[in-house]
């Protein structure tokens, strides 16, 4: 009888990741995430960034990202999806968009979703980074969320 293990060359698992976080933020545990960080200040919705990893069948590119985010926005009250954009972070291509929706008791929530994917054997390894902020704190929180997202380093 043979032995198989995880991780393995067939199923290598998620890559190593790193983020930089601003003063006043902390790492926390959140289900189904590799990394979750948030603002520690009380008294308002805490801006946060989460990183997820999953595998999908190919193809996985801008069309699939737009469809997935569109469904996510549509599943929330007053959901609205912005235009798809792309950027390079640390030499890796990312595609994403901002969206907003209403959630009680917070009110408007804004999110920036960014995806990067790479072929691994017969599947696509997908990393999704999502930053969230309350709509009334966009001016204060969005630059921090954006800086955390831009700091991501993926080591495969």
C-alpha atoms as a PDB file:
ATOM      1  CA  UNK A   1       0.000   0.000   0.000  1.00  0.00           C
ATOM      2  CA  UNK A   2       1.233   3.506  -0.855  1.00  0.00           C
ATOM      3  CA  UNK A   3       1.091   6.566   1.373  1.00  0.00           C
ATOM      4  CA  UNK A   4      -0.023   9.998   0.187  1.00  0.00           C
ATOM      5  CA  UNK A   5       0.338  13.193   2.143  1.00  0.00           C
ATOM      6  CA  UNK A   6      -0.670  16.816   2.166  1.00  0.00           C
ATOM      7  CA  UNK A   7       0.823  19.049   1.026  1.00  0.00           C
ATOM      8  CA  UNK A   8       2.172  17.149  -1.962  1.00  0.00           C
ATOM      9  CA  UNK A   9       3.350  17.785  -5.519  1.00  0.00           C
ATOM     10  CA  UNK A  10      -0.191  16.924  -6.675  1.00  0.00           C
ATOM     11  CA  UNK A  11      -1.962  19.082  -4.055  1.00  0.00           C
ATOM     12  CA  UNK A  12       0.599  21.616  -2.853  1.00  0.00           C
ATOM     13  CA  UNK A  13      -1.772  23.824  -0.843  1.00  0.00           C
ATOM     14  CA  UNK A  14      -1.781  27.586  -0.470  1.00  0.00           C
ATOM     15  CA  UNK A  15       1.282  29.720  -1.094  1.00  0.00           C
ATOM     16  CA  UNK A  16       3.076  31.678   1.610  1.00  0.00           C
ATOM     17  CA  UNK A  17       1.674  35.208   2.032  1.00  0.00           C
ATOM     18  CA  UNK A  18       2.619  38.373   3.861  1.00  0.00           C
ATOM     19  CA  UNK A  19       0.842  41.697   4.469  1.00  0.00           C
ATOM     20  CA  UNK A  20       1.895  44.901   6.137  1.00  0.00           C
ATOM     21  CA  UNK A  21      -0.661  46.433   8.497  1.00  0.00           C
ATOM     22  CA  UNK A  22      -0.856  49.965   9.878  1.00  0.00           C
ATOM     23  CA  UNK A  23      -0.517  50.924  13.525  1.00  0.00           C
ATOM     24  CA  UNK A  24      -3.769  50.235  15.339  1.00  0.00           C
ATOM     25  CA  UNK A  25      -4.566  47.102  13.323  1.00  0.00           C
ATOM     26  CA  UNK A  26      -4.301  43.477  14.458  1.00  0.00           C
ATOM     27  CA  UNK A  27      -4.360  39.991  13.011  1.00  0.00           C
ATOM     28  CA  UNK A  28      -7.478  38.007  13.952  1.00  0.00           C
ATOM     29  CA  UNK A  29      -8.880  34.589  13.169  1.00  0.00           C
ATOM     30  CA  UNK A  30     -11.733  34.396  10.666  1.00  0.00           C
ATOM     31  CA  UNK A  31     -13.234  31.242   9.149  1.00  0.00           C
ATOM     32  CA  UNK A  32     -12.039  30.157   5.702  1.00  0.00           C
ATOM     33  CA  UNK A  33      -9.233  32.729   5.544  1.00  0.00           C
ATOM     34  CA  UNK A  34      -5.461  32.511   5.371  1.00  0.00           C
ATOM     35  CA  UNK A  35      -5.029  35.992   6.822  1.00  0.00           C
ATOM     36  CA  UNK A  36      -7.526  38.355   8.480  1.00  0.00           C
ATOM     37  CA  UNK A  37      -6.574  41.779   9.840  1.00  0.00           C
ATOM     38  CA  UNK A  38      -8.653  44.658  11.168  1.00  0.00           C
ATOM     39  CA  UNK A  39      -8.696  48.053  12.765  1.00  0.00           C
ATOM     40  CA  UNK A  40      -8.761  47.791  16.581  1.00  0.00           C
ATOM     41  CA  UNK A  41     -10.656  51.048  17.242  1.00  0.00           C
ATOM     42  CA  UNK A  42     -14.051  50.730  18.926  1.00  0.00           C
ATOM     43  CA  UNK A  43     -17.180  52.709  18.210  1.00  0.00           C
ATOM     44  CA  UNK A  44     -17.529  52.065  14.476  1.00  0.00           C
ATOM     45  CA  UNK A  45     -17.446  49.342  11.846  1.00  0.00           C
ATOM     46  CA  UNK A  46     -13.866  48.054  11.837  1.00  0.00           C
ATOM     47  CA  UNK A  47     -12.171  48.278   8.483  1.00  0.00           C
ATOM     48  CA  UNK A  48     -10.612  44.933   7.629  1.00  0.00           C
ATOM     49  CA  UNK A  49      -8.796  42.876   5.021  1.00  0.00           C
ATOM     50  CA  UNK A  50      -9.094  39.123   4.523  1.00  0.00           C
ATOM     51  CA  UNK A  51      -7.165  36.781   2.237  1.00  0.00           C
ATOM     52  CA  UNK A  52      -8.709  33.562   0.966  1.00  0.00           C
ATOM     53  CA  UNK A  53      -7.313  30.729  -1.132  1.00  0.00           C
ATOM     54  CA  UNK A  54      -9.272  28.225  -3.172  1.00  0.00           C
ATOM     55  CA  UNK A  55      -8.976  26.117  -6.286  1.00  0.00           C
ATOM     56  CA  UNK A  56     -11.256  26.329  -9.318  1.00  0.00           C
ATOM     57  CA  UNK A  57     -11.480  24.649 -12.660  1.00  0.00           C
ATOM     58  CA  UNK A  58     -10.130  26.718 -15.527  1.00  0.00           C
ATOM     59  CA  UNK A  59     -10.873  29.169 -16.907  1.00  0.00           C
ATOM     60  CA  UNK A  60     -10.731  31.759 -14.145  1.00  0.00           C
ATOM     61  CA  UNK A  61     -10.162  35.303 -15.335  1.00  0.00           C
ATOM     62  CA  UNK A  62     -11.877  38.700 -15.593  1.00  0.00           C
ATOM     63  CA  UNK A  63     -15.187  37.312 -16.902  1.00  0.00           C
ATOM     64  CA  UNK A  64     -15.485  34.880 -14.002  1.00  0.00           C
ATOM     65  CA  UNK A  65     -14.443  37.549 -11.476  1.00  0.00           C
ATOM     66  CA  UNK A  66     -17.060  39.975 -12.784  1.00  0.00           C
ATOM     67  CA  UNK A  67     -19.775  37.290 -12.745  1.00  0.00           C
ATOM     68  CA  UNK A  68     -18.871  36.160  -9.218  1.00  0.00           C
ATOM     69  CA  UNK A  69     -18.765  39.687  -7.810  1.00  0.00           C
ATOM     70  CA  UNK A  70     -21.974  40.599  -9.619  1.00  0.00           C
ATOM     71  CA  UNK A  71     -23.744  37.674  -7.963  1.00  0.00           C
ATOM     72  CA  UNK A  72     -22.294  38.642  -4.587  1.00  0.00           C
ATOM     73  CA  UNK A  73     -23.442  42.268  -4.941  1.00  0.00           C
ATOM     74  CA  UNK A  74     -26.899  41.183  -6.143  1.00  0.00           C
ATOM     75  CA  UNK A  75     -27.312  38.948  -3.084  1.00  0.00           C
ATOM     76  CA  UNK A  76     -27.068  41.973  -0.757  1.00  0.00           C
ATOM     77  CA  UNK A  77     -29.483  44.839  -0.142  1.00  0.00           C
ATOM     78  CA  UNK A  78     -28.722  47.780  -2.470  1.00  0.00           C
ATOM     79  CA  UNK A  79     -25.753  45.868  -3.912  1.00  0.00           C
ATOM     80  CA  UNK A  80     -23.823  47.689  -6.620  1.00  0.00           C
ATOM     81  CA  UNK A  81     -20.724  46.533  -8.498  1.00  0.00           C
ATOM     82  CA  UNK A  82     -18.178  49.015  -9.872  1.00  0.00           C
ATOM     83  CA  UNK A  83     -16.078  48.644 -13.007  1.00  0.00           C
ATOM     84  CA  UNK A  84     -13.569  45.826 -13.294  1.00  0.00           C
ATOM     85  CA  UNK A  85      -9.950  46.952 -12.963  1.00  0.00           C
ATOM     86  CA  UNK A  86      -6.538  45.340 -13.053  1.00  0.00           C
ATOM     87  CA  UNK A  87      -3.253  46.081 -11.357  1.00  0.00           C
ATOM     88  CA  UNK A  88       0.169  44.573 -10.790  1.00  0.00           C
ATOM     89  CA  UNK A  89       1.269  43.993  -7.200  1.00  0.00           C
ATOM     90  CA  UNK A  90       4.804  42.734  -6.654  1.00  0.00           C
ATOM     91  CA  UNK A  91       4.997  41.494 -10.247  1.00  0.00           C
ATOM     92  CA  UNK A  92       1.741  39.536 -10.065  1.00  0.00           C
ATOM     93  CA  UNK A  93      -1.396  40.422 -12.066  1.00  0.00           C
ATOM     94  CA  UNK A  94      -4.605  41.037 -10.098  1.00  0.00           C
ATOM     95  CA  UNK A  95      -8.125  41.782 -11.315  1.00  0.00           C
ATOM     96  CA  UNK A  96     -10.896  43.186  -9.169  1.00  0.00           C
ATOM     97  CA  UNK A  97     -13.591  45.726  -8.486  1.00  0.00           C
ATOM     98  CA  UNK A  98     -15.203  47.714  -5.725  1.00  0.00           C
ATOM     99  CA  UNK A  99     -18.745  47.090  -4.616  1.00  0.00           C
ATOM    100  CA  UNK A 100     -21.143  48.517  -2.078  1.00  0.00           C
ATOM    101  CA  UNK A 101     -24.195  47.194  -0.264  1.00  0.00           C
ATOM    102  CA  UNK A 102     -26.317  47.989   2.774  1.00  0.00           C
ATOM    103  CA  UNK A 103     -26.042  45.928   5.945  1.00  0.00           C
ATOM    104  CA  UNK A 104     -27.763  46.676   9.227  1.00  0.00           C
ATOM    105  CA  UNK A 105     -26.812  48.142  11.642  1.00  0.00           C
ATOM    106  CA  UNK A 106     -23.724  49.439   9.770  1.00  0.00           C
ATOM    107  CA  UNK A 107     -25.453  51.052   6.805  1.00  0.00           C
ATOM    108  CA  UNK A 108     -23.420  51.214   3.615  1.00  0.00           C
ATOM    109  CA  UNK A 109     -20.449  48.838   3.396  1.00  0.00           C
ATOM    110  CA  UNK A 110     -17.772  49.272   0.745  1.00  0.00           C
ATOM    111  CA  UNK A 111     -15.473  46.498  -0.399  1.00  0.00           C
ATOM    112  CA  UNK A 112     -12.509  46.147  -2.719  1.00  0.00           C
ATOM    113  CA  UNK A 113     -12.085  42.610  -4.084  1.00  0.00           C
ATOM    114  CA  UNK A 114      -8.887  41.550  -5.864  1.00  0.00           C
ATOM    115  CA  UNK A 115      -8.142  38.148  -7.411  1.00  0.00           C
ATOM    116  CA  UNK A 116      -5.021  36.544  -8.814  1.00  0.00           C
ATOM    117  CA  UNK A 117      -4.854  33.041 -10.252  1.00  0.00           C
ATOM    118  CA  UNK A 118      -2.222  30.621 -11.488  1.00  0.00           C
ATOM    119  CA  UNK A 119      -2.516  27.201 -13.096  1.00  0.00           C
ATOM    120  CA  UNK A 120      -1.507  24.343 -10.819  1.00  0.00           C
ATOM    121  CA  UNK A 121      -1.790  20.869 -12.306  1.00  0.00           C
ATOM    122  CA  UNK A 122      -5.377  20.638 -13.608  1.00  0.00           C
ATOM    123  CA  UNK A 123      -6.852  23.513 -11.600  1.00  0.00           C
ATOM    124  CA  UNK A 124      -6.446  27.218 -10.989  1.00  0.00           C
ATOM    125  CA  UNK A 125      -5.081  28.347  -7.621  1.00  0.00           C
ATOM    126  CA  UNK A 126      -6.982  31.516  -6.722  1.00  0.00           C
ATOM    127  CA  UNK A 127      -6.044  34.080  -4.087  1.00  0.00           C
ATOM    128  CA  UNK A 128      -8.764  36.575  -3.201  1.00  0.00           C
ATOM    129  CA  UNK A 129      -8.056  39.670  -1.124  1.00  0.00           C
ATOM    130  CA  UNK A 130     -11.066  41.598   0.174  1.00  0.00           C
ATOM    131  CA  UNK A 131     -10.915  44.900   2.038  1.00  0.00           C
ATOM    132  CA  UNK A 132     -14.035  46.283   3.745  1.00  0.00           C
ATOM    133  CA  UNK A 133     -14.977  49.648   5.248  1.00  0.00           C
ATOM    134  CA  UNK A 134     -18.166  51.447   6.253  1.00  0.00           C
ATOM    135  CA  UNK A 135     -19.430  53.945   3.719  1.00  0.00           C
ATOM    136  CA  UNK A 136     -19.387  56.835   6.188  1.00  0.00           C
ATOM    137  CA  UNK A 137     -15.683  56.153   6.929  1.00  0.00           C
ATOM    138  CA  UNK A 138     -14.486  55.669   3.320  1.00  0.00           C
ATOM    139  CA  UNK A 139     -12.338  58.792   3.380  1.00  0.00           C
ATOM    140  CA  UNK A 140     -10.479  57.650   6.512  1.00  0.00           C
ATOM    141  CA  UNK A 141     -10.433  53.887   6.002  1.00  0.00           C
ATOM    142  CA  UNK A 142     -10.118  53.294   2.257  1.00  0.00           C
ATOM    143  CA  UNK A 143      -6.499  54.539   2.034  1.00  0.00           C
ATOM    144  CA  UNK A 144      -5.514  52.174   4.865  1.00  0.00           C
ATOM    145  CA  UNK A 145      -7.346  49.208   3.327  1.00  0.00           C
ATOM    146  CA  UNK A 146      -5.816  49.971  -0.073  1.00  0.00           C
ATOM    147  CA  UNK A 147      -2.302  50.167   1.409  1.00  0.00           C
ATOM    148  CA  UNK A 148      -2.741  46.800   3.150  1.00  0.00           C
ATOM    149  CA  UNK A 149      -3.943  45.216  -0.103  1.00  0.00           C
ATOM    150  CA  UNK A 150      -1.048  46.753  -2.059  1.00  0.00           C
ATOM    151  CA  UNK A 151       1.409  45.342   0.468  1.00  0.00           C
ATOM    152  CA  UNK A 152       0.511  41.688  -0.233  1.00  0.00           C
ATOM    153  CA  UNK A 153       3.430  39.464  -1.146  1.00  0.00           C
ATOM    154  CA  UNK A 154       2.758  35.998  -2.545  1.00  0.00           C
ATOM    155  CA  UNK A 155       5.582  33.480  -2.441  1.00  0.00           C
ATOM    156  CA  UNK A 156       5.025  30.303  -4.427  1.00  0.00           C
END
